[in-house]
Every structure is written in C-alpha cells, then in structure tokens.
Amino acid sequence: MRFAADHDLHIHSGLSLCSGDPEQNPSGIFRYGLENGFHTLCLTDHMWDPAVPGASDFGFYESQPYERTRSVLPLPQSDTLRFLFGCETDMDRGCVIGVSPAVAAELDFIIVPTTHLHMNGFTLEGGEGADERAKLWISRFDALLDAPLPFEKVGVAHLTCSLIFGRRTPEVLEKIPLDEYHRLFAKARERGIGVELNFPAPGTDAPDARIMLLPYRIAKEEGCKFYLGSDAHHPEELRRAKANFEAITDLLGLTEDDKIPLLL
C-alpha cells in the first residue's frame, strides 16, 4: 500500500525563537492535522537541555531550555488525532547532543539535525568549504548513530537541507562517496532511527533532482524507515505541507512498510 501522508512529526510553534509567530500555536497546528486527515502530529520546538553542557556557547539554545519547551503542555488530543510532545535539539561541533537521558525519557519523539552547518562557532568552526562540509556530513551522522539514544523515537532531520551550504549544498552531497552513503544508512537501519522527509519535492527534470534524492533512495535501498516532517514555523508553511508530502512519497516510491514503527 502506498505510503500515506497522514502525519507530520516536525513542527515548530511560536515558542521556537526562529518562529516567534503567535498564530503558530498548538490549537492552530492541531486544526491543521484535523483538516488534512492526519492521525499523528508532533510538536518539536528547538530545545537544549540545561543538564547538558554547551548551550551557553550559543545564545539561541541558552534561551530555549527544556522547561520553556514543555510550557505548551498539555497538547490537544482527539479520538482520531494524537498530538505528540517532542523537540528538535541539536549537536554541537564536538558532537554533543543537547538532551539528557532523563528528558529523553519524557519526550515522545526527538529530532536531531546533523546538518545545521550554518551555526558558525557552534556546529562548525566557520569558513569550511564543500570538501570539509562533506566530511562533517559523514562524521556528524556517524556520531549521532553512535550516541546513547532511544532510537525507536529518534529522527534525523533534513539530511539534504540548504543549511549545509546554501546553494552549494548539491556540491557537498556529490562529494560524499556512495559507499559512505550505503554504510551510514545501513547503520541507521540497524539502530532503528527514523529518516526525515521534508525537502521541497523537485521536478524530475530539475537540475539537482538526482543528487537531492540520492540519499533517500539509498536509505530506502538499505531498509531505513521514514517519517514526514514539514519543519513548519508559520501557518502558511503548514498549508502547503501535505501536497509536498504527497509529491515526496511518489518520487521515492514509498509504501506503508517504509514508515517508522511509531506511526504504525
């Protein structure tokens, strides 16, 4: 059966500093889920757990501790739509992940981006070129997969996003050897981590379509499981999310068997 676009596990509310939008609130997000016939949503505001050193190195996370994130609780629920409580934490340049075991146990879902390579001084030194960023793509993904995390409820975020290197992101992805893609996604399958799908679906004739889809095609080939995440920060992003989800799953030829267990 075709992979149904019936969920969104990566959504920010106005609590995330990069949103700050009062209209992006739990009730509005819940309404989005109902209007689109979803069965699962997850709120994943940015968060760095104060129990983990490192947030003071970057004010963005020092201002978004766990207690602030959980201030939205309780989230609305219905008989047809469950609204999970999660977070998007981060990984610093030393590959420290900003969530403690105690907080991880409280969360329904944990998103970890390895590709936030726009945070100079925090996730990378700054000034790295395409070759260095390709190496970081590999080493940071490896570090995440080696972390002591409950992978059955962990997702790796936006592996091909423009935050890797802006318009030069396809160049970075081209520099990653095929055998490294296969190794990493085989390891991801073994760990049971979810692979996020949230990129803008390219037309099949788009110049960079092949390389932007390649990591996900290899992930599917290696048996990884996937989830959809809009990474929406504002209501207008929610309004166009489902159509993009449908286009992504069609491009990759996914079925219900390709979903992470959390969704089944």
C-alpha atoms as a PDB file:
ATOM      1  CA  MET A   1       0.000   0.000   0.000  1.00  0.00           C
ATOM      2  CA  ARG A   2       1.217   3.499  -0.883  1.00  0.00           C
ATOM      3  CA  PHE A   3       2.888   5.498   1.919  1.00  0.00           C
ATOM      4  CA  ALA A   4       0.036   7.647   3.268  1.00  0.00           C
ATOM      5  CA  ALA A   5       0.768  11.301   4.051  1.00  0.00           C
ATOM      6  CA  ASP A   6      -1.132  11.056   7.332  1.00  0.00           C
ATOM      7  CA  HIS A   7       1.276  12.632   9.812  1.00  0.00           C
ATOM      8  CA  ASP A   8       3.722  15.472  10.451  1.00  0.00           C
ATOM      9  CA  LEU A   9       6.395  14.859  13.079  1.00  0.00           C
ATOM     10  CA  HIS A  10       8.439  18.067  12.735  1.00  0.00           C
ATOM     11  CA  ILE A  11       6.536  21.247  13.574  1.00  0.00           C
ATOM     12  CA  HIS A  12       7.560  24.375  15.469  1.00  0.00           C
ATOM     13  CA  SER A  13       5.304  26.663  17.468  1.00  0.00           C
ATOM     14  CA  GLY A  14       5.844  30.340  18.176  1.00  0.00           C
ATOM     15  CA  LEU A  15       7.943  29.246  21.165  1.00  0.00           C
ATOM     16  CA  SER A  16      10.827  28.470  18.810  1.00  0.00           C
ATOM     17  CA  LEU A  17      12.839  31.671  18.503  1.00  0.00           C
ATOM     18  CA  CYS A  18      13.145  31.231  14.738  1.00  0.00           C
ATOM     19  CA  SER A  19       9.345  31.322  14.559  1.00  0.00           C
ATOM     20  CA  GLY A  20       8.055  33.729  17.198  1.00  0.00           C
ATOM     21  CA  ASP A  21       4.710  33.637  15.396  1.00  0.00           C
ATOM     22  CA  PRO A  22       1.719  33.829  17.795  1.00  0.00           C
ATOM     23  CA  GLU A  23      -0.519  32.306  15.100  1.00  0.00           C
ATOM     24  CA  GLN A  24       1.688  29.214  15.051  1.00  0.00           C
ATOM     25  CA  ASN A  25       0.238  27.719  18.221  1.00  0.00           C
ATOM     26  CA  PRO A  26      -0.866  24.236  19.376  1.00  0.00           C
ATOM     27  CA  SER A  27      -4.557  24.801  18.643  1.00  0.00           C
ATOM     28  CA  GLY A  28      -3.843  26.022  15.106  1.00  0.00           C
ATOM     29  CA  ILE A  29      -1.422  23.171  14.483  1.00  0.00           C
ATOM     30  CA  PHE A  30      -3.998  20.686  15.775  1.00  0.00           C
ATOM     31  CA  ARG A  31      -6.596  22.142  13.412  1.00  0.00           C
ATOM     32  CA  TYR A  32      -4.103  21.655  10.544  1.00  0.00           C
ATOM     33  CA  GLY A  33      -3.877  17.982  11.456  1.00  0.00           C
ATOM     34  CA  LEU A  34      -7.648  17.543  11.557  1.00  0.00           C
ATOM     35  CA  GLU A  35      -8.214  19.380   8.270  1.00  0.00           C
ATOM     36  CA  ASN A  36      -5.687  17.143   6.498  1.00  0.00           C
ATOM     37  CA  GLY A  37      -6.936  13.858   7.953  1.00  0.00           C
ATOM     38  CA  PHE A  38      -3.702  13.151   9.823  1.00  0.00           C
ATOM     39  CA  HIS A  39      -3.555  10.627  12.648  1.00  0.00           C
ATOM     40  CA  THR A  40      -0.308  11.855  14.264  1.00  0.00           C
ATOM     41  CA  LEU A  41       1.347  15.223  14.832  1.00  0.00           C
ATOM     42  CA  CYS A  42       4.412  16.066  16.893  1.00  0.00           C
ATOM     43  CA  LEU A  43       5.398  19.454  18.287  1.00  0.00           C
ATOM     44  CA  THR A  44       9.170  19.779  18.041  1.00  0.00           C
ATOM     45  CA  ASP A  45      10.287  23.187  19.236  1.00  0.00           C
ATOM     46  CA  HIS A  46      14.002  23.916  19.439  1.00  0.00           C
ATOM     47  CA  MET A  47      15.457  22.892  22.780  1.00  0.00           C
ATOM     48  CA  TRP A  48      18.774  22.358  24.550  1.00  0.00           C
ATOM     49  CA  ASP A  49      18.501  20.549  27.868  1.00  0.00           C
ATOM     50  CA  PRO A  50      20.280  22.632  30.576  1.00  0.00           C
ATOM     51  CA  ALA A  51      21.506  19.362  32.115  1.00  0.00           C
ATOM     52  CA  VAL A  52      23.813  19.013  29.077  1.00  0.00           C
ATOM     53  CA  PRO A  53      26.731  21.493  28.952  1.00  0.00           C
ATOM     54  CA  GLY A  54      27.089  23.553  25.785  1.00  0.00           C
ATOM     55  CA  ALA A  55      24.045  25.816  25.498  1.00  0.00           C
ATOM     56  CA  SER A  56      25.965  28.766  26.947  1.00  0.00           C
ATOM     57  CA  ASP A  57      28.212  28.605  23.861  1.00  0.00           C
ATOM     58  CA  PHE A  58      25.295  29.646  21.670  1.00  0.00           C
ATOM     59  CA  GLY A  59      22.631  32.053  22.895  1.00  0.00           C
ATOM     60  CA  PHE A  60      19.973  30.611  20.611  1.00  0.00           C
ATOM     61  CA  TYR A  61      19.843  27.454  22.728  1.00  0.00           C
ATOM     62  CA  GLU A  62      20.591  29.035  26.081  1.00  0.00           C
ATOM     63  CA  SER A  63      17.279  30.879  25.596  1.00  0.00           C
ATOM     64  CA  GLN A  64      15.356  27.672  24.803  1.00  0.00           C
ATOM     65  CA  PRO A  65      15.704  25.276  27.767  1.00  0.00           C
ATOM     66  CA  TYR A  66      13.509  22.250  28.318  1.00  0.00           C
ATOM     67  CA  GLU A  67      11.245  23.945  30.850  1.00  0.00           C
ATOM     68  CA  ARG A  68      10.353  26.562  28.248  1.00  0.00           C
ATOM     69  CA  THR A  69       9.610  23.892  25.653  1.00  0.00           C
ATOM     70  CA  ARG A  70       7.300  21.936  27.926  1.00  0.00           C
ATOM     71  CA  SER A  71       5.295  25.019  28.888  1.00  0.00           C
ATOM     72  CA  VAL A  72       2.918  24.230  25.992  1.00  0.00           C
ATOM     73  CA  LEU A  73       1.613  21.091  27.729  1.00  0.00           C
ATOM     74  CA  PRO A  74      -0.974  19.664  27.700  1.00  0.00           C
ATOM     75  CA  LEU A  75      -1.466  19.430  23.949  1.00  0.00           C
ATOM     76  CA  PRO A  76      -4.930  18.984  22.404  1.00  0.00           C
ATOM     77  CA  GLN A  77      -5.988  15.428  21.524  1.00  0.00           C
ATOM     78  CA  SER A  78      -8.910  13.715  19.828  1.00  0.00           C
ATOM     79  CA  ASP A  79     -10.096  10.186  19.102  1.00  0.00           C
ATOM     80  CA  THR A  80      -8.683  10.438  15.582  1.00  0.00           C
ATOM     81  CA  LEU A  81      -5.594  12.604  16.073  1.00  0.00           C
ATOM     82  CA  ARG A  82      -2.816  12.193  18.616  1.00  0.00           C
ATOM     83  CA  PHE A  83      -0.568  15.179  19.254  1.00  0.00           C
ATOM     84  CA  LEU A  84       2.843  14.049  20.497  1.00  0.00           C
ATOM     85  CA  PHE A  85       5.255  16.168  22.521  1.00  0.00           C
ATOM     86  CA  GLY A  86       8.796  16.188  21.188  1.00  0.00           C
ATOM     87  CA  CYS A  87      11.685  18.515  20.480  1.00  0.00           C
ATOM     88  CA  GLU A  88      14.325  19.441  17.961  1.00  0.00           C
ATOM     89  CA  THR A  89      17.572  19.519  19.864  1.00  0.00           C
ATOM     90  CA  ASP A  90      20.996  19.922  18.250  1.00  0.00           C
ATOM     91  CA  MET A  91      24.552  18.601  18.030  1.00  0.00           C
ATOM     92  CA  ASP A  92      27.437  20.960  18.707  1.00  0.00           C
ATOM     93  CA  ARG A  93      30.766  20.848  16.896  1.00  0.00           C
ATOM     94  CA  GLY A  94      32.071  18.349  19.462  1.00  0.00           C
ATOM     95  CA  CYS A  95      29.084  16.119  18.594  1.00  0.00           C
ATOM     96  CA  VAL A  96      27.449  16.642  21.996  1.00  0.00           C
ATOM     97  CA  ILE A  97      23.673  16.230  21.668  1.00  0.00           C
ATOM     98  CA  GLY A  98      21.527  18.551  23.789  1.00  0.00           C
ATOM     99  CA  VAL A  99      19.232  16.088  25.528  1.00  0.00           C
ATOM    100  CA  SER A 100      19.834  14.163  28.764  1.00  0.00           C
ATOM    101  CA  PRO A 101      18.566  10.608  29.371  1.00  0.00           C
ATOM    102  CA  ALA A 102      16.005  11.941  31.864  1.00  0.00           C
ATOM    103  CA  VAL A 103      14.491  14.387  29.382  1.00  0.00           C
ATOM    104  CA  ALA A 104      14.707  11.876  26.527  1.00  0.00           C
ATOM    105  CA  ALA A 105      12.555   9.530  28.601  1.00  0.00           C
ATOM    106  CA  GLU A 106       9.830  12.201  28.898  1.00  0.00           C
ATOM    107  CA  LEU A 107       9.661  13.039  25.196  1.00  0.00           C
ATOM    108  CA  ASP A 108       7.544  11.199  22.637  1.00  0.00           C
ATOM    109  CA  PHE A 109       9.911  11.986  19.763  1.00  0.00           C
ATOM    110  CA  ILE A 110      13.370  13.558  19.476  1.00  0.00           C
ATOM    111  CA  ILE A 111      14.654  15.182  16.312  1.00  0.00           C
ATOM    112  CA  VAL A 112      18.401  15.648  15.924  1.00  0.00           C
ATOM    113  CA  PRO A 113      19.736  17.650  12.969  1.00  0.00           C
ATOM    114  CA  THR A 114      23.249  16.789  11.837  1.00  0.00           C
ATOM    115  CA  THR A 115      23.127  19.355   9.027  1.00  0.00           C
ATOM    116  CA  HIS A 116      22.789  22.652  10.921  1.00  0.00           C
ATOM    117  CA  LEU A 117      26.033  23.806   9.327  1.00  0.00           C
ATOM    118  CA  HIS A 118      25.072  27.473   9.440  1.00  0.00           C
ATOM    119  CA  MET A 119      25.863  27.990  13.139  1.00  0.00           C
ATOM    120  CA  ASN A 120      29.449  29.226  12.970  1.00  0.00           C
ATOM    121  CA  GLY A 121      31.302  28.621  16.225  1.00  0.00           C
ATOM    122  CA  PHE A 122      28.697  26.159  17.496  1.00  0.00           C
ATOM    123  CA  THR A 123      28.123  23.357  14.985  1.00  0.00           C
ATOM    124  CA  LEU A 124      31.291  24.061  12.993  1.00  0.00           C
ATOM    125  CA  GLU A 125      34.252  26.365  13.196  1.00  0.00           C
ATOM    126  CA  GLY A 126      33.096  28.571  10.318  1.00  0.00           C
ATOM    127  CA  GLY A 127      34.584  29.045   6.865  1.00  0.00           C
ATOM    128  CA  GLU A 128      34.596  25.356   5.923  1.00  0.00           C
ATOM    129  CA  GLY A 129      34.370  24.656   2.186  1.00  0.00           C
ATOM    130  CA  ALA A 130      32.456  21.942   0.348  1.00  0.00           C
ATOM    131  CA  ASP A 131      35.046  19.226   0.984  1.00  0.00           C
ATOM    132  CA  GLU A 132      35.105  19.894   4.731  1.00  0.00           C
ATOM    133  CA  ARG A 133      31.311  20.022   4.892  1.00  0.00           C
ATOM    134  CA  ALA A 134      31.028  16.679   3.134  1.00  0.00           C
ATOM    135  CA  LYS A 135      33.309  15.205   5.798  1.00  0.00           C
ATOM    136  CA  LEU A 136      31.181  16.831   8.508  1.00  0.00           C
ATOM    137  CA  TRP A 137      28.020  15.366   6.946  1.00  0.00           C
ATOM    138  CA  ILE A 138      29.563  11.921   7.357  1.00  0.00           C
ATOM    139  CA  SER A 139      31.192  12.354  10.778  1.00  0.00           C
ATOM    140  CA  ARG A 140      28.179  14.019  12.405  1.00  0.00           C
ATOM    141  CA  PHE A 141      25.771  11.375  11.138  1.00  0.00           C
ATOM    142  CA  ASP A 142      28.155   8.696  12.428  1.00  0.00           C
ATOM    143  CA  ALA A 143      28.319  10.423  15.825  1.00  0.00           C
ATOM    144  CA  LEU A 144      24.535  10.585  16.074  1.00  0.00           C
ATOM    145  CA  LEU A 145      24.234   6.885  15.287  1.00  0.00           C
ATOM    146  CA  ASP A 146      26.838   6.095  17.971  1.00  0.00           C
ATOM    147  CA  ALA A 147      25.043   8.172  20.631  1.00  0.00           C
ATOM    148  CA  PRO A 148      23.250   6.509  23.587  1.00  0.00           C
ATOM    149  CA  LEU A 149      19.745   7.461  22.442  1.00  0.00           C
ATOM    150  CA  PRO A 150      16.366   5.659  22.366  1.00  0.00           C
ATOM    151  CA  PHE A 151      16.460   5.352  18.580  1.00  0.00           C
ATOM    152  CA  GLU A 152      12.941   3.940  18.354  1.00  0.00           C
ATOM    153  CA  LYS A 153      11.760   7.506  18.975  1.00  0.00           C
ATOM    154  CA  VAL A 154      14.555   9.495  17.305  1.00  0.00           C
ATOM    155  CA  GLY A 155      14.625  11.047  13.852  1.00  0.00           C
ATOM    156  CA  VAL A 156      17.497  12.553  11.905  1.00  0.00           C
ATOM    157  CA  ALA A 157      16.351  15.833  10.384  1.00  0.00           C
ATOM    158  CA  HIS A 158      16.620  17.288   6.873  1.00  0.00           C
ATOM    159  CA  LEU A 159      19.700  15.482   5.588  1.00  0.00           C
ATOM    160  CA  THR A 160      19.745  17.479   2.332  1.00  0.00           C
ATOM    161  CA  CYS A 161      18.655  20.923   3.542  1.00  0.00           C
ATOM    162  CA  SER A 162      20.192  24.154   2.291  1.00  0.00           C
ATOM    163  CA  LEU A 163      21.684  24.840   5.740  1.00  0.00           C
ATOM    164  CA  ILE A 164      24.512  22.504   4.719  1.00  0.00           C
ATOM    165  CA  PHE A 165      25.991  25.106   2.361  1.00  0.00           C
ATOM    166  CA  GLY A 166      23.257  27.245   0.829  1.00  0.00           C
ATOM    167  CA  ARG A 167      23.099  26.988  -2.962  1.00  0.00           C
ATOM    168  CA  ARG A 168      26.233  24.848  -2.901  1.00  0.00           C
ATOM    169  CA  THR A 169      24.535  22.071  -0.927  1.00  0.00           C
ATOM    170  CA  PRO A 170      24.257  19.784  -4.021  1.00  0.00           C
ATOM    171  CA  GLU A 171      28.030  20.148  -4.454  1.00  0.00           C
ATOM    172  CA  VAL A 172      28.559  18.919  -0.887  1.00  0.00           C
ATOM    173  CA  LEU A 173      26.254  15.935  -1.397  1.00  0.00           C
ATOM    174  CA  GLU A 174      28.109  14.999  -4.615  1.00  0.00           C
ATOM    175  CA  LYS A 175      31.359  14.811  -2.644  1.00  0.00           C
ATOM    176  CA  ILE A 176      30.061  12.114  -0.294  1.00  0.00           C
ATOM    177  CA  PRO A 177      31.204   8.707  -1.617  1.00  0.00           C
ATOM    178  CA  LEU A 178      28.470   6.219  -2.485  1.00  0.00           C
ATOM    179  CA  ASP A 179      29.962   3.608  -0.194  1.00  0.00           C
ATOM    180  CA  GLU A 180      29.714   6.065   2.720  1.00  0.00           C
ATOM    181  CA  TYR A 181      26.044   6.711   1.977  1.00  0.00           C
ATOM    182  CA  HIS A 182      25.415   2.962   1.962  1.00  0.00           C
ATOM    183  CA  ARG A 183      27.426   2.381   5.139  1.00  0.00           C
ATOM    184  CA  LEU A 184      25.690   5.146   7.060  1.00  0.00           C
ATOM    185  CA  PHE A 185      22.180   4.184   6.042  1.00  0.00           C
ATOM    186  CA  ALA A 186      22.856   0.504   6.768  1.00  0.00           C
ATOM    187  CA  LYS A 187      23.980   1.628  10.223  1.00  0.00           C
ATOM    188  CA  ALA A 188      20.862   3.810  10.527  1.00  0.00           C
ATOM    189  CA  ARG A 189      18.692   0.800   9.735  1.00  0.00           C
ATOM    190  CA  GLU A 190      20.464  -1.239  12.414  1.00  0.00           C
ATOM    191  CA  ARG A 191      19.959   1.500  15.013  1.00  0.00           C
ATOM    192  CA  GLY A 192      16.295   1.960  14.089  1.00  0.00           C
ATOM    193  CA  ILE A 193      16.484   5.745  13.699  1.00  0.00           C
ATOM    194  CA  GLY A 194      13.856   7.460  11.524  1.00  0.00           C
ATOM    195  CA  VAL A 195      14.911   9.307   8.380  1.00  0.00           C
ATOM    196  CA  GLU A 196      13.039  12.569   7.886  1.00  0.00           C
ATOM    197  CA  LEU A 197      11.427  13.569   4.588  1.00  0.00           C
ATOM    198  CA  ASN A 198      10.770  17.285   4.333  1.00  0.00           C
ATOM    199  CA  PHE A 199      12.700  18.620   1.352  1.00  0.00           C
ATOM    200  CA  PRO A 200      10.917  20.610  -1.376  1.00  0.00           C
ATOM    201  CA  ALA A 201       9.996  17.917  -3.897  1.00  0.00           C
ATOM    202  CA  PRO A 202      11.952  18.643  -7.093  1.00  0.00           C
ATOM    203  CA  GLY A 203      10.553  18.061 -10.543  1.00  0.00           C
ATOM    204  CA  THR A 204      12.122  15.003 -12.146  1.00  0.00           C
ATOM    205  CA  ASP A 205      13.801  17.288 -14.688  1.00  0.00           C
ATOM    206  CA  ALA A 206      15.203  19.706 -12.074  1.00  0.00           C
ATOM    207  CA  PRO A 207      18.995  20.109 -12.405  1.00  0.00           C
ATOM    208  CA  ASP A 208      19.763  18.850  -8.899  1.00  0.00           C
ATOM    209  CA  ALA A 209      16.950  16.276  -8.577  1.00  0.00           C
ATOM    210  CA  ARG A 210      19.244  13.252  -8.852  1.00  0.00           C
ATOM    211  CA  ILE A 211      21.644  14.232  -6.080  1.00  0.00           C
ATOM    212  CA  MET A 212      18.949  15.654  -3.794  1.00  0.00           C
ATOM    213  CA  LEU A 213      17.000  12.385  -3.974  1.00  0.00           C
ATOM    214  CA  LEU A 214      20.022  10.066  -3.933  1.00  0.00           C
ATOM    215  CA  PRO A 215      20.500   9.839  -0.127  1.00  0.00           C
ATOM    216  CA  TYR A 216      16.839   8.911   0.383  1.00  0.00           C
ATOM    217  CA  ARG A 217      16.891   6.356  -2.427  1.00  0.00           C
ATOM    218  CA  ILE A 218      19.937   4.732  -0.822  1.00  0.00           C
ATOM    219  CA  ALA A 219      18.272   4.884   2.609  1.00  0.00           C
ATOM    220  CA  LYS A 220      15.263   3.026   1.166  1.00  0.00           C
ATOM    221  CA  GLU A 221      17.546   0.504  -0.518  1.00  0.00           C
ATOM    222  CA  GLU A 222      19.287  -0.135   2.819  1.00  0.00           C
ATOM    223  CA  GLY A 223      15.952  -0.708   4.576  1.00  0.00           C
ATOM    224  CA  CYS A 224      15.636   2.515   6.582  1.00  0.00           C
ATOM    225  CA  LYS A 225      12.278   3.719   7.850  1.00  0.00           C
ATOM    226  CA  PHE A 226      10.902   7.191   7.163  1.00  0.00           C
ATOM    227  CA  TYR A 227       8.608   9.859   8.553  1.00  0.00           C
ATOM    228  CA  LEU A 228       7.279  13.138   7.144  1.00  0.00           C
ATOM    229  CA  GLY A 229       8.101  16.469   8.759  1.00  0.00           C
ATOM    230  CA  SER A 230       7.183  19.903   7.455  1.00  0.00           C
ATOM    231  CA  ASP A 231       9.601  21.786   9.749  1.00  0.00           C
ATOM    232  CA  ALA A 232       6.904  24.467   9.596  1.00  0.00           C
ATOM    233  CA  HIS A 233       7.469  27.672  11.560  1.00  0.00           C
ATOM    234  CA  HIS A 234       4.433  29.595  10.267  1.00  0.00           C
ATOM    235  CA  PRO A 235       0.846  28.704   9.275  1.00  0.00           C
ATOM    236  CA  GLU A 236       1.434  29.287   5.548  1.00  0.00           C
ATOM    237  CA  GLU A 237       4.076  26.533   5.615  1.00  0.00           C
ATOM    238  CA  LEU A 238       1.524  24.152   7.083  1.00  0.00           C
ATOM    239  CA  ARG A 239      -0.953  24.963   4.317  1.00  0.00           C
ATOM    240  CA  ARG A 240       1.374  23.680   1.594  1.00  0.00           C
ATOM    241  CA  ALA A 241       2.876  20.770   3.538  1.00  0.00           C
ATOM    242  CA  LYS A 242       0.581  17.898   2.574  1.00  0.00           C
ATOM    243  CA  ALA A 243       0.897  18.447  -1.177  1.00  0.00           C
ATOM    244  CA  ASN A 244       4.682  18.398  -0.796  1.00  0.00           C
ATOM    245  CA  PHE A 245       4.483  15.234   1.324  1.00  0.00           C
ATOM    246  CA  GLU A 246       2.468  13.500  -1.408  1.00  0.00           C
ATOM    247  CA  ALA A 247       4.996  14.541  -4.063  1.00  0.00           C
ATOM    248  CA  ILE A 248       7.949  13.282  -1.986  1.00  0.00           C
ATOM    249  CA  THR A 249       6.466   9.852  -1.322  1.00  0.00           C
ATOM    250  CA  ASP A 250       5.565   9.483  -5.015  1.00  0.00           C
ATOM    251  CA  LEU A 251       9.088  10.413  -6.131  1.00  0.00           C
ATOM    252  CA  LEU A 252      10.619   7.834  -3.789  1.00  0.00           C
ATOM    253  CA  GLY A 253       8.016   5.135  -4.417  1.00  0.00           C
ATOM    254  CA  LEU A 254       7.438   4.570  -0.701  1.00  0.00           C
ATOM    255  CA  THR A 255       4.890   2.193   0.811  1.00  0.00           C
ATOM    256  CA  GLU A 256       3.394   1.812   4.265  1.00  0.00           C
ATOM    257  CA  ASP A 257       6.140  -0.725   5.015  1.00  0.00           C
ATOM    258  CA  ASP A 258       8.654   2.134   4.835  1.00  0.00           C
ATOM    259  CA  LYS A 259       7.185   4.019   7.826  1.00  0.00           C
ATOM    260  CA  ILE A 260       8.824   4.194  11.245  1.00  0.00           C
ATOM    261  CA  PRO A 261       7.129   1.901  13.815  1.00  0.00           C
ATOM    262  CA  LEU A 262       5.975   4.920  15.860  1.00  0.00           C
ATOM    263  CA  LEU A 263       3.441   5.615  13.095  1.00  0.00           C
ATOM    264  CA  LEU A 264       2.033   2.092  12.752  1.00  0.00           C
END
